[in-house]
Amino acid sequence: MTPPQPSTFNYQALTFWFSIVNFVVMSGVAIMAWWSGRDKITSTRFKDAEDRIIKLETEVKHPPACTYHAQLELRIDAVRSDTSEIKGTVKGINHAVDLMNEFLINQGGKK
């Protein structure tokens, strides 16, 4: 029988591969931490936006009751009547200006 040979274990190779595995694992942890933080920030922003949208939808579903419709209608009617009055006045002024122009044109021809 031959005596057992001393083990020739390559510790440099083991250290190299351990460093590679360690780098890969730590890179994975770093990427997961970055992704998790990014996801938290994004979900918080979306949560805030969702809350605002829900609030707006609730307000649209239940609009405030307008008790001023009657007052608004009265004011609109007043504006209409004032506008009609102004329109009539402008028509009268326009007609007077047309008569003055006609008079001036006819007077200019008599000279």
C-alpha atoms as a PDB file:
ATOM      1  CA  MET A   1       0.000   0.000   0.000  1.00  0.00           C
ATOM      2  CA  THR A   2       1.094   3.470  -0.728  1.00  0.00           C
ATOM      3  CA  PRO A   3       0.998   6.140   1.910  1.00  0.00           C
ATOM      4  CA  PRO A   4      -1.629   8.872   1.462  1.00  0.00           C
ATOM      5  CA  GLN A   5      -0.440  11.868  -0.447  1.00  0.00           C
ATOM      6  CA  PRO A   6      -0.608  15.250   1.221  1.00  0.00           C
ATOM      7  CA  SER A   7      -3.508  17.313  -0.080  1.00  0.00           C
ATOM      8  CA  THR A   8      -2.554  19.906  -2.593  1.00  0.00           C
ATOM      9  CA  PHE A   9      -5.515  22.186  -2.189  1.00  0.00           C
ATOM     10  CA  ASN A  10      -5.313  25.427  -4.181  1.00  0.00           C
ATOM     11  CA  TYR A  11      -6.266  28.163  -1.754  1.00  0.00           C
ATOM     12  CA  GLN A  12      -5.643  30.925  -4.292  1.00  0.00           C
ATOM     13  CA  ALA A  13      -8.277  29.494  -6.610  1.00  0.00           C
ATOM     14  CA  LEU A  14     -10.673  29.115  -3.679  1.00  0.00           C
ATOM     15  CA  THR A  15     -10.089  32.750  -2.685  1.00  0.00           C
ATOM     16  CA  PHE A  16     -10.615  33.867  -6.283  1.00  0.00           C
ATOM     17  CA  TRP A  17     -13.912  32.010  -6.669  1.00  0.00           C
ATOM     18  CA  PHE A  18     -15.071  33.099  -3.226  1.00  0.00           C
ATOM     19  CA  SER A  19     -14.394  36.720  -4.253  1.00  0.00           C
ATOM     20  CA  ILE A  20     -16.370  36.226  -7.483  1.00  0.00           C
ATOM     21  CA  VAL A  21     -19.337  34.686  -5.636  1.00  0.00           C
ATOM     22  CA  ASN A  22     -19.143  37.408  -2.992  1.00  0.00           C
ATOM     23  CA  PHE A  23     -19.134  40.109  -5.710  1.00  0.00           C
ATOM     24  CA  VAL A  24     -22.134  38.564  -7.471  1.00  0.00           C
ATOM     25  CA  VAL A  25     -24.127  38.196  -4.235  1.00  0.00           C
ATOM     26  CA  MET A  26     -23.307  41.725  -3.050  1.00  0.00           C
ATOM     27  CA  SER A  27     -24.156  43.147  -6.482  1.00  0.00           C
ATOM     28  CA  GLY A  28     -27.493  41.350  -6.323  1.00  0.00           C
ATOM     29  CA  VAL A  29     -28.173  42.742  -2.857  1.00  0.00           C
ATOM     30  CA  ALA A  30     -27.255  46.245  -4.017  1.00  0.00           C
ATOM     31  CA  ILE A  31     -29.536  45.986  -7.051  1.00  0.00           C
ATOM     32  CA  MET A  32     -32.394  44.652  -4.909  1.00  0.00           C
ATOM     33  CA  ALA A  33     -31.930  47.494  -2.395  1.00  0.00           C
ATOM     34  CA  TRP A  34     -31.899  50.070  -5.194  1.00  0.00           C
ATOM     35  CA  TRP A  35     -34.972  48.521  -6.823  1.00  0.00           C
ATOM     36  CA  SER A  36     -36.833  48.345  -3.517  1.00  0.00           C
ATOM     37  CA  GLY A  37     -36.116  52.003  -2.748  1.00  0.00           C
ATOM     38  CA  ARG A  38     -37.121  53.014  -6.240  1.00  0.00           C
ATOM     39  CA  ASP A  39     -40.322  51.021  -5.955  1.00  0.00           C
ATOM     40  CA  LYS A  40     -41.173  52.643  -2.612  1.00  0.00           C
ATOM     41  CA  ILE A  41     -40.701  56.125  -4.018  1.00  0.00           C
ATOM     42  CA  THR A  42     -42.728  55.352  -7.137  1.00  0.00           C
ATOM     43  CA  SER A  43     -45.536  53.692  -5.205  1.00  0.00           C
ATOM     44  CA  THR A  44     -45.671  56.657  -2.801  1.00  0.00           C
ATOM     45  CA  ARG A  45     -45.991  59.079  -5.707  1.00  0.00           C
ATOM     46  CA  PHE A  46     -48.703  56.951  -7.296  1.00  0.00           C
ATOM     47  CA  LYS A  47     -50.489  56.617  -3.956  1.00  0.00           C
ATOM     48  CA  ASP A  48     -50.549  60.406  -3.603  1.00  0.00           C
ATOM     49  CA  ALA A  49     -51.878  60.764  -7.143  1.00  0.00           C
ATOM     50  CA  GLU A  50     -54.529  58.102  -6.528  1.00  0.00           C
ATOM     51  CA  ASP A  51     -55.643  59.883  -3.363  1.00  0.00           C
ATOM     52  CA  ARG A  52     -56.011  63.176  -5.230  1.00  0.00           C
ATOM     53  CA  ILE A  53     -57.942  61.494  -8.054  1.00  0.00           C
ATOM     54  CA  ILE A  54     -60.275  59.772  -5.594  1.00  0.00           C
ATOM     55  CA  LYS A  55     -60.896  63.103  -3.871  1.00  0.00           C
ATOM     56  CA  LEU A  56     -61.685  64.778  -7.210  1.00  0.00           C
ATOM     57  CA  GLU A  57     -63.990  61.947  -8.264  1.00  0.00           C
ATOM     58  CA  THR A  58     -65.859  62.244  -4.973  1.00  0.00           C
ATOM     59  CA  GLU A  59     -66.283  65.985  -5.450  1.00  0.00           C
ATOM     60  CA  VAL A  60     -67.539  65.496  -9.009  1.00  0.00           C
ATOM     61  CA  LYS A  61     -70.061  62.859  -7.914  1.00  0.00           C
ATOM     62  CA  HIS A  62     -71.421  65.177  -5.239  1.00  0.00           C
ATOM     63  CA  PRO A  63     -71.300  68.719  -6.633  1.00  0.00           C
ATOM     64  CA  PRO A  64     -72.350  71.473  -4.275  1.00  0.00           C
ATOM     65  CA  ALA A  65     -75.971  72.519  -4.594  1.00  0.00           C
ATOM     66  CA  CYS A  66     -76.230  75.875  -6.329  1.00  0.00           C
ATOM     67  CA  THR A  67     -78.659  78.091  -4.468  1.00  0.00           C
ATOM     68  CA  TYR A  68     -77.789  81.106  -6.583  1.00  0.00           C
ATOM     69  CA  HIS A  69     -79.462  80.039  -9.835  1.00  0.00           C
ATOM     70  CA  ALA A  70     -82.361  82.411  -9.364  1.00  0.00           C
ATOM     71  CA  GLN A  71     -80.032  85.346  -8.632  1.00  0.00           C
ATOM     72  CA  LEU A  72     -77.882  84.485 -11.635  1.00  0.00           C
ATOM     73  CA  GLU A  73     -80.921  84.331 -13.899  1.00  0.00           C
ATOM     74  CA  LEU A  74     -82.066  87.762 -12.695  1.00  0.00           C
ATOM     75  CA  ARG A  75     -78.629  89.237 -13.332  1.00  0.00           C
ATOM     76  CA  ILE A  76     -78.420  87.642 -16.778  1.00  0.00           C
ATOM     77  CA  ASP A  77     -81.854  89.066 -17.639  1.00  0.00           C
ATOM     78  CA  ALA A  78     -80.677  92.517 -16.496  1.00  0.00           C
ATOM     79  CA  VAL A  79     -77.606  92.257 -18.699  1.00  0.00           C
ATOM     80  CA  ARG A  80     -79.772  91.192 -21.642  1.00  0.00           C
ATOM     81  CA  SER A  81     -82.093  94.152 -21.235  1.00  0.00           C
ATOM     82  CA  ASP A  82     -79.161  96.557 -20.913  1.00  0.00           C
ATOM     83  CA  THR A  83     -77.583  95.010 -24.017  1.00  0.00           C
ATOM     84  CA  SER A  84     -80.843  95.402 -25.955  1.00  0.00           C
ATOM     85  CA  GLU A  85     -81.050  99.046 -24.885  1.00  0.00           C
ATOM     86  CA  ILE A  86     -77.463  99.694 -25.970  1.00  0.00           C
ATOM     87  CA  LYS A  87     -78.128  97.940 -29.272  1.00  0.00           C
ATOM     88  CA  GLY A  88     -81.113 100.216 -29.946  1.00  0.00           C
ATOM     89  CA  THR A  89     -79.089 103.306 -29.057  1.00  0.00           C
ATOM     90  CA  VAL A  90     -76.255 102.282 -31.392  1.00  0.00           C
ATOM     91  CA  LYS A  91     -78.744 101.688 -34.216  1.00  0.00           C
ATOM     92  CA  GLY A  92     -80.163 105.191 -33.672  1.00  0.00           C
ATOM     93  CA  ILE A  93     -76.692 106.754 -33.673  1.00  0.00           C
ATOM     94  CA  ASN A  94     -75.772 104.799 -36.806  1.00  0.00           C
ATOM     95  CA  HIS A  95     -78.902 106.060 -38.561  1.00  0.00           C
ATOM     96  CA  ALA A  96     -78.143 109.669 -37.521  1.00  0.00           C
ATOM     97  CA  VAL A  97     -74.577 109.359 -38.828  1.00  0.00           C
ATOM     98  CA  ASP A  98     -75.894 107.984 -42.126  1.00  0.00           C
ATOM     99  CA  LEU A  99     -78.258 111.001 -42.437  1.00  0.00           C
ATOM    100  CA  MET A 100     -75.382 113.398 -41.671  1.00  0.00           C
ATOM    101  CA  ASN A 101     -73.183 111.734 -44.278  1.00  0.00           C
ATOM    102  CA  GLU A 102     -75.964 111.914 -46.849  1.00  0.00           C
ATOM    103  CA  PHE A 103     -76.560 115.591 -46.043  1.00  0.00           C
ATOM    104  CA  LEU A 104     -72.861 116.406 -46.349  1.00  0.00           C
ATOM    105  CA  ILE A 105     -72.554 114.499 -49.604  1.00  0.00           C
ATOM    106  CA  ASN A 106     -75.605 116.351 -51.071  1.00  0.00           C
ATOM    107  CA  GLN A 107     -74.413 119.767 -49.808  1.00  0.00           C
ATOM    108  CA  GLY A 108     -70.997 119.126 -51.328  1.00  0.00           C
ATOM    109  CA  GLY A 109     -72.587 118.521 -54.728  1.00  0.00           C
ATOM    110  CA  LYS A 110     -74.551 121.867 -54.639  1.00  0.00           C
ATOM    111  CA  LYS A 111     -71.452 124.023 -54.277  1.00  0.00           C
END
